[in-house]
Amino acid sequence: MQLEELYDYKNTLMKDLLTSESIINLLDENIPIESSSKLAYNLVFPFEYVPDTIEQGNTYICFDVDIQQTIDKTFLLSALYIWVFTHKSKLRLVPTGGVRTDKLCCEIAKVIN
């Protein structure tokens, strides 16, 4: 795996996350799928991100790819990290019940698997 492949993979993952209607609805139910690209670098980040002081509760997805090991200078062993977090006011899914971050993790797993 070349380093450029990691770059491409992160861009592909961003696209896949932002074209999933269920993920977009869990991030912000007021954003139509056609406008989901606005969520990139606002609620979905291709790096570890900690928001500044917040004025309203949001839900975030952050992800990164890390090279764990190189084998024979030919292959790279990589790991994908995904962080999902939300403000406590958004944790409970209404009216269906459940926890927003749990449901979001399920939907992300569907996209990447």
N, C-alpha and C. Protein backbone atom coordinates (compact mmCIF):
# COMPACT_ATOMS: atom_id res chain seq x y z
N MET A 1 0.85 -1.18 0.00
CA MET A 1 0.00 0.00 0.00
C MET A 1 0.89 1.24 0.00
N GLN A 2 0.64 2.12 -0.92
CA GLN A 2 1.36 3.38 -0.98
C GLN A 2 0.64 4.41 -0.12
N LEU A 3 1.37 5.43 0.31
CA LEU A 3 0.75 6.46 1.15
C LEU A 3 -0.39 7.17 0.43
N GLU A 4 -0.29 7.29 -0.87
CA GLU A 4 -1.37 7.93 -1.62
C GLU A 4 -2.68 7.16 -1.48
N GLU A 5 -2.57 5.85 -1.33
CA GLU A 5 -3.77 5.03 -1.14
C GLU A 5 -4.48 5.40 0.17
N LEU A 6 -3.72 5.72 1.20
CA LEU A 6 -4.33 6.15 2.46
C LEU A 6 -5.08 7.47 2.26
N TYR A 7 -4.46 8.37 1.53
CA TYR A 7 -5.10 9.65 1.21
C TYR A 7 -6.41 9.42 0.46
N ASP A 8 -6.36 8.57 -0.56
CA ASP A 8 -7.55 8.26 -1.35
C ASP A 8 -8.61 7.57 -0.49
N TYR A 9 -8.16 6.67 0.39
CA TYR A 9 -9.12 5.94 1.22
C TYR A 9 -9.88 6.89 2.13
N LYS A 10 -9.19 7.86 2.71
CA LYS A 10 -9.87 8.81 3.60
C LYS A 10 -10.88 9.65 2.82
N ASN A 11 -10.53 10.04 1.60
CA ASN A 11 -11.48 10.80 0.78
C ASN A 11 -12.68 9.95 0.40
N THR A 12 -12.45 8.70 0.10
CA THR A 12 -13.55 7.78 -0.24
C THR A 12 -14.45 7.56 0.96
N LEU A 13 -13.85 7.38 2.12
CA LEU A 13 -14.65 7.18 3.33
C LEU A 13 -15.49 8.42 3.63
N MET A 14 -14.93 9.60 3.47
CA MET A 14 -15.69 10.83 3.69
C MET A 14 -16.90 10.85 2.75
N LYS A 15 -16.68 10.53 1.48
CA LYS A 15 -17.76 10.52 0.51
C LYS A 15 -18.82 9.49 0.89
N ASP A 16 -18.39 8.30 1.28
CA ASP A 16 -19.33 7.24 1.65
C ASP A 16 -20.18 7.64 2.85
N LEU A 17 -19.56 8.26 3.84
CA LEU A 17 -20.30 8.69 5.03
C LEU A 17 -21.33 9.77 4.69
N LEU A 18 -20.93 10.68 3.81
CA LEU A 18 -21.80 11.82 3.50
C LEU A 18 -22.82 11.53 2.41
N THR A 19 -22.84 10.31 1.90
CA THR A 19 -23.89 9.93 0.95
C THR A 19 -24.84 8.90 1.54
N SER A 20 -24.68 8.62 2.82
CA SER A 20 -25.59 7.71 3.51
C SER A 20 -26.69 8.53 4.18
N GLU A 21 -27.91 8.35 3.70
CA GLU A 21 -29.03 9.13 4.24
C GLU A 21 -29.24 8.88 5.73
N SER A 22 -29.07 7.64 6.18
CA SER A 22 -29.27 7.34 7.60
C SER A 22 -28.21 8.03 8.46
N ILE A 23 -26.98 8.08 7.99
CA ILE A 23 -25.92 8.77 8.74
C ILE A 23 -26.19 10.27 8.78
N ILE A 24 -26.58 10.84 7.65
CA ILE A 24 -26.86 12.28 7.61
C ILE A 24 -28.01 12.62 8.55
N ASN A 25 -29.06 11.80 8.57
CA ASN A 25 -30.19 12.07 9.46
C ASN A 25 -29.80 11.98 10.92
N LEU A 26 -28.88 11.08 11.26
CA LEU A 26 -28.43 10.97 12.65
C LEU A 26 -27.51 12.13 13.03
N LEU A 27 -26.78 12.66 12.08
CA LEU A 27 -25.92 13.82 12.37
C LEU A 27 -26.75 15.09 12.52
N ASP A 28 -27.64 15.31 11.56
CA ASP A 28 -28.47 16.52 11.59
C ASP A 28 -29.72 16.26 10.75
N GLU A 29 -30.84 16.07 11.40
CA GLU A 29 -32.08 15.74 10.70
C GLU A 29 -32.61 16.88 9.83
N ASN A 30 -32.03 18.08 9.95
CA ASN A 30 -32.48 19.22 9.15
C ASN A 30 -31.70 19.40 7.86
N ILE A 31 -30.68 18.58 7.64
CA ILE A 31 -29.86 18.70 6.43
C ILE A 31 -30.35 17.70 5.39
N PRO A 32 -30.78 18.16 4.22
CA PRO A 32 -31.16 17.22 3.16
C PRO A 32 -29.91 16.55 2.59
N ILE A 33 -30.07 15.35 2.08
CA ILE A 33 -28.94 14.57 1.55
C ILE A 33 -28.21 15.34 0.46
N GLU A 34 -28.92 16.17 -0.29
CA GLU A 34 -28.32 16.95 -1.36
C GLU A 34 -27.32 17.98 -0.82
N SER A 35 -27.47 18.38 0.43
CA SER A 35 -26.59 19.38 1.04
C SER A 35 -25.61 18.77 2.02
N SER A 36 -25.49 17.46 2.01
CA SER A 36 -24.67 16.79 3.02
C SER A 36 -23.19 17.12 2.93
N SER A 37 -22.72 17.58 1.78
CA SER A 37 -21.29 17.92 1.66
C SER A 37 -20.91 19.06 2.61
N LYS A 38 -21.89 19.83 3.05
CA LYS A 38 -21.63 20.92 4.00
C LYS A 38 -21.19 20.39 5.36
N LEU A 39 -21.45 19.11 5.62
CA LEU A 39 -21.08 18.52 6.91
C LEU A 39 -19.59 18.18 7.00
N ALA A 40 -18.93 18.06 5.84
CA ALA A 40 -17.49 17.79 5.84
C ALA A 40 -16.76 18.95 6.50
N TYR A 41 -15.89 18.62 7.43
CA TYR A 41 -15.09 19.58 8.19
C TYR A 41 -15.93 20.49 9.08
N ASN A 42 -17.22 20.14 9.24
CA ASN A 42 -18.07 20.80 10.22
C ASN A 42 -18.55 19.80 11.27
N LEU A 43 -19.05 18.65 10.81
CA LEU A 43 -19.46 17.59 11.72
C LEU A 43 -18.75 16.27 11.45
N VAL A 44 -18.15 16.15 10.27
CA VAL A 44 -17.40 14.94 9.89
C VAL A 44 -15.99 15.37 9.53
N PHE A 45 -15.00 14.79 10.23
CA PHE A 45 -13.61 15.20 10.07
C PHE A 45 -12.73 14.00 9.76
N PRO A 46 -11.82 14.12 8.78
CA PRO A 46 -10.90 13.03 8.48
C PRO A 46 -9.64 13.09 9.35
N PHE A 47 -9.81 13.46 10.58
CA PHE A 47 -8.73 13.51 11.57
C PHE A 47 -9.39 13.62 12.94
N GLU A 48 -8.60 13.39 13.97
CA GLU A 48 -9.15 13.50 15.33
C GLU A 48 -9.41 14.98 15.61
N TYR A 49 -10.62 15.27 16.06
CA TYR A 49 -11.03 16.65 16.25
C TYR A 49 -11.77 16.79 17.57
N VAL A 50 -11.45 17.85 18.29
CA VAL A 50 -12.18 18.18 19.51
C VAL A 50 -12.77 19.57 19.29
N PRO A 51 -14.10 19.68 19.33
CA PRO A 51 -14.72 20.98 19.06
C PRO A 51 -14.35 22.01 20.13
N ASP A 52 -14.34 23.25 19.70
CA ASP A 52 -14.14 24.35 20.63
C ASP A 52 -15.36 24.43 21.55
N THR A 53 -15.38 25.43 22.39
CA THR A 53 -16.55 25.63 23.23
C THR A 53 -17.78 25.69 22.35
N ILE A 54 -18.77 24.90 22.70
CA ILE A 54 -19.94 24.80 21.84
C ILE A 54 -21.09 25.65 22.36
N GLU A 55 -21.88 26.13 21.43
CA GLU A 55 -23.04 26.92 21.79
C GLU A 55 -24.32 26.13 21.60
N GLN A 56 -24.23 25.04 20.84
CA GLN A 56 -25.38 24.16 20.66
C GLN A 56 -24.85 22.73 20.56
N GLY A 57 -25.68 21.78 20.93
CA GLY A 57 -25.26 20.39 20.89
C GLY A 57 -25.20 19.85 19.47
N ASN A 58 -24.13 19.16 19.15
CA ASN A 58 -23.96 18.54 17.84
C ASN A 58 -23.50 17.10 17.99
N THR A 59 -23.54 16.39 16.89
CA THR A 59 -23.02 15.04 16.81
C THR A 59 -21.88 15.05 15.82
N TYR A 60 -20.80 14.33 16.13
CA TYR A 60 -19.59 14.37 15.31
C TYR A 60 -19.13 12.96 14.95
N ILE A 61 -18.51 12.87 13.78
CA ILE A 61 -17.78 11.68 13.36
C ILE A 61 -16.37 12.14 13.00
N CYS A 62 -15.38 11.50 13.57
CA CYS A 62 -13.99 11.75 13.20
C CYS A 62 -13.37 10.41 12.82
N PHE A 63 -12.49 10.43 11.87
CA PHE A 63 -11.82 9.19 11.49
C PHE A 63 -10.41 9.48 11.04
N ASP A 64 -9.56 8.46 11.14
CA ASP A 64 -8.18 8.59 10.70
C ASP A 64 -7.66 7.21 10.34
N VAL A 65 -6.66 7.20 9.50
CA VAL A 65 -5.98 5.96 9.13
C VAL A 65 -4.55 6.09 9.63
N ASP A 66 -4.09 5.08 10.33
CA ASP A 66 -2.77 5.10 10.93
C ASP A 66 -1.97 3.91 10.40
N ILE A 67 -0.72 4.14 10.07
CA ILE A 67 0.15 3.05 9.63
C ILE A 67 0.73 2.40 10.88
N GLN A 68 0.40 1.15 11.06
CA GLN A 68 0.83 0.41 12.25
C GLN A 68 2.22 -0.18 12.07
N GLN A 69 2.51 -0.67 10.86
CA GLN A 69 3.74 -1.39 10.64
C GLN A 69 4.02 -1.47 9.14
N THR A 70 5.29 -1.50 8.79
CA THR A 70 5.66 -1.75 7.40
C THR A 70 6.28 -3.15 7.32
N ILE A 71 5.95 -3.84 6.26
CA ILE A 71 6.47 -5.19 6.06
C ILE A 71 7.28 -5.19 4.78
N ASP A 72 8.56 -5.48 4.89
CA ASP A 72 9.44 -5.60 3.73
C ASP A 72 9.42 -4.37 2.83
N LYS A 73 9.16 -3.23 3.36
CA LYS A 73 9.12 -1.97 2.59
C LYS A 73 8.16 -2.03 1.41
N THR A 74 7.30 -3.02 1.40
CA THR A 74 6.35 -3.18 0.31
C THR A 74 4.92 -3.00 0.78
N PHE A 75 4.60 -3.57 1.94
CA PHE A 75 3.25 -3.54 2.47
C PHE A 75 3.19 -2.72 3.75
N LEU A 76 2.12 -1.99 3.89
CA LEU A 76 1.86 -1.23 5.11
C LEU A 76 0.65 -1.83 5.79
N LEU A 77 0.76 -2.09 7.07
CA LEU A 77 -0.40 -2.51 7.85
C LEU A 77 -1.03 -1.26 8.44
N SER A 78 -2.26 -1.03 8.10
CA SER A 78 -2.92 0.19 8.56
C SER A 78 -4.11 -0.15 9.46
N ALA A 79 -4.49 0.84 10.23
CA ALA A 79 -5.66 0.71 11.11
C ALA A 79 -6.55 1.92 10.88
N LEU A 80 -7.84 1.65 10.85
CA LEU A 80 -8.83 2.71 10.70
C LEU A 80 -9.43 3.00 12.07
N TYR A 81 -9.38 4.24 12.48
CA TYR A 81 -9.96 4.68 13.75
C TYR A 81 -11.16 5.57 13.45
N ILE A 82 -12.26 5.32 14.14
CA ILE A 82 -13.44 6.16 13.99
C ILE A 82 -13.93 6.54 15.38
N TRP A 83 -14.13 7.83 15.59
CA TRP A 83 -14.65 8.34 16.85
C TRP A 83 -16.03 8.93 16.57
N VAL A 84 -16.99 8.58 17.38
CA VAL A 84 -18.35 9.10 17.26
C VAL A 84 -18.73 9.65 18.63
N PHE A 85 -19.12 10.90 18.66
CA PHE A 85 -19.55 11.49 19.93
C PHE A 85 -20.60 12.55 19.69
N THR A 86 -21.36 12.81 20.75
CA THR A 86 -22.46 13.76 20.65
C THR A 86 -22.67 14.47 21.97
N HIS A 87 -23.32 15.58 21.90
CA HIS A 87 -23.70 16.32 23.10
C HIS A 87 -24.75 15.51 23.86
N LYS A 88 -24.75 15.59 25.16
CA LYS A 88 -25.68 14.78 25.96
C LYS A 88 -27.14 15.08 25.62
N SER A 89 -27.44 16.27 25.15
CA SER A 89 -28.82 16.61 24.80
C SER A 89 -29.30 15.85 23.56
N LYS A 90 -28.38 15.28 22.79
CA LYS A 90 -28.74 14.56 21.56
C LYS A 90 -28.57 13.05 21.68
N LEU A 91 -28.17 12.57 22.83
CA LEU A 91 -27.92 11.13 22.98
C LEU A 91 -29.15 10.27 22.74
N ARG A 92 -30.27 10.65 23.31
CA ARG A 92 -31.48 9.84 23.21
C ARG A 92 -32.17 10.08 21.88
N LEU A 93 -32.45 8.99 21.17
CA LEU A 93 -33.19 9.09 19.91
C LEU A 93 -34.68 9.14 20.21
N VAL A 94 -35.31 10.18 19.72
CA VAL A 94 -36.75 10.35 19.92
C VAL A 94 -37.40 10.30 18.55
N PRO A 95 -38.45 9.62 18.31
CA PRO A 95 -39.30 8.85 19.22
C PRO A 95 -38.93 7.37 19.27
N THR A 96 -37.94 6.94 18.47
CA THR A 96 -37.66 5.50 18.37
C THR A 96 -36.98 4.91 19.59
N GLY A 97 -36.32 5.75 20.37
CA GLY A 97 -35.57 5.26 21.53
C GLY A 97 -34.19 4.78 21.11
N GLY A 98 -33.38 4.48 22.08
CA GLY A 98 -32.00 4.08 21.81
C GLY A 98 -31.06 5.26 21.95
N VAL A 99 -29.79 4.97 21.72
CA VAL A 99 -28.73 5.97 21.87
C VAL A 99 -28.20 6.34 20.49
N ARG A 100 -28.15 7.63 20.22
CA ARG A 100 -27.75 8.14 18.90
C ARG A 100 -26.37 7.62 18.49
N THR A 101 -25.39 7.66 19.39
CA THR A 101 -24.05 7.22 19.02
C THR A 101 -24.01 5.73 18.70
N ASP A 102 -24.80 4.93 19.40
CA ASP A 102 -24.86 3.50 19.10
C ASP A 102 -25.44 3.26 17.70
N LYS A 103 -26.51 3.94 17.38
CA LYS A 103 -27.14 3.78 16.08
C LYS A 103 -26.22 4.29 14.97
N LEU A 104 -25.54 5.39 15.23
CA LEU A 104 -24.61 5.94 14.25
C LEU A 104 -23.46 4.97 13.99
N CYS A 105 -22.94 4.33 15.02
CA CYS A 105 -21.88 3.33 14.84
C CYS A 105 -22.38 2.16 14.00
N CYS A 106 -23.61 1.73 14.21
CA CYS A 106 -24.19 0.65 13.41
C CYS A 106 -24.25 1.05 11.94
N GLU A 107 -24.68 2.27 11.67
CA GLU A 107 -24.81 2.75 10.29
C GLU A 107 -23.43 2.93 9.63
N ILE A 108 -22.46 3.38 10.37
CA ILE A 108 -21.11 3.51 9.84
C ILE A 108 -20.54 2.13 9.50
N ALA A 109 -20.78 1.16 10.36
CA ALA A 109 -20.30 -0.20 10.10
C ALA A 109 -20.91 -0.74 8.82
N LYS A 110 -22.18 -0.44 8.56
CA LYS A 110 -22.81 -0.89 7.31
C LYS A 110 -22.10 -0.27 6.09
N VAL A 111 -21.72 0.99 6.21
CA VAL A 111 -21.08 1.68 5.09
C VAL A 111 -19.68 1.13 4.83
N ILE A 112 -18.91 0.87 5.87
CA ILE A 112 -17.52 0.46 5.64
C ILE A 112 -17.35 -1.04 5.45
N ASN A 113 -18.34 -1.82 5.83
CA ASN A 113 -18.21 -3.28 5.65
C ASN A 113 -18.82 -3.63 4.35
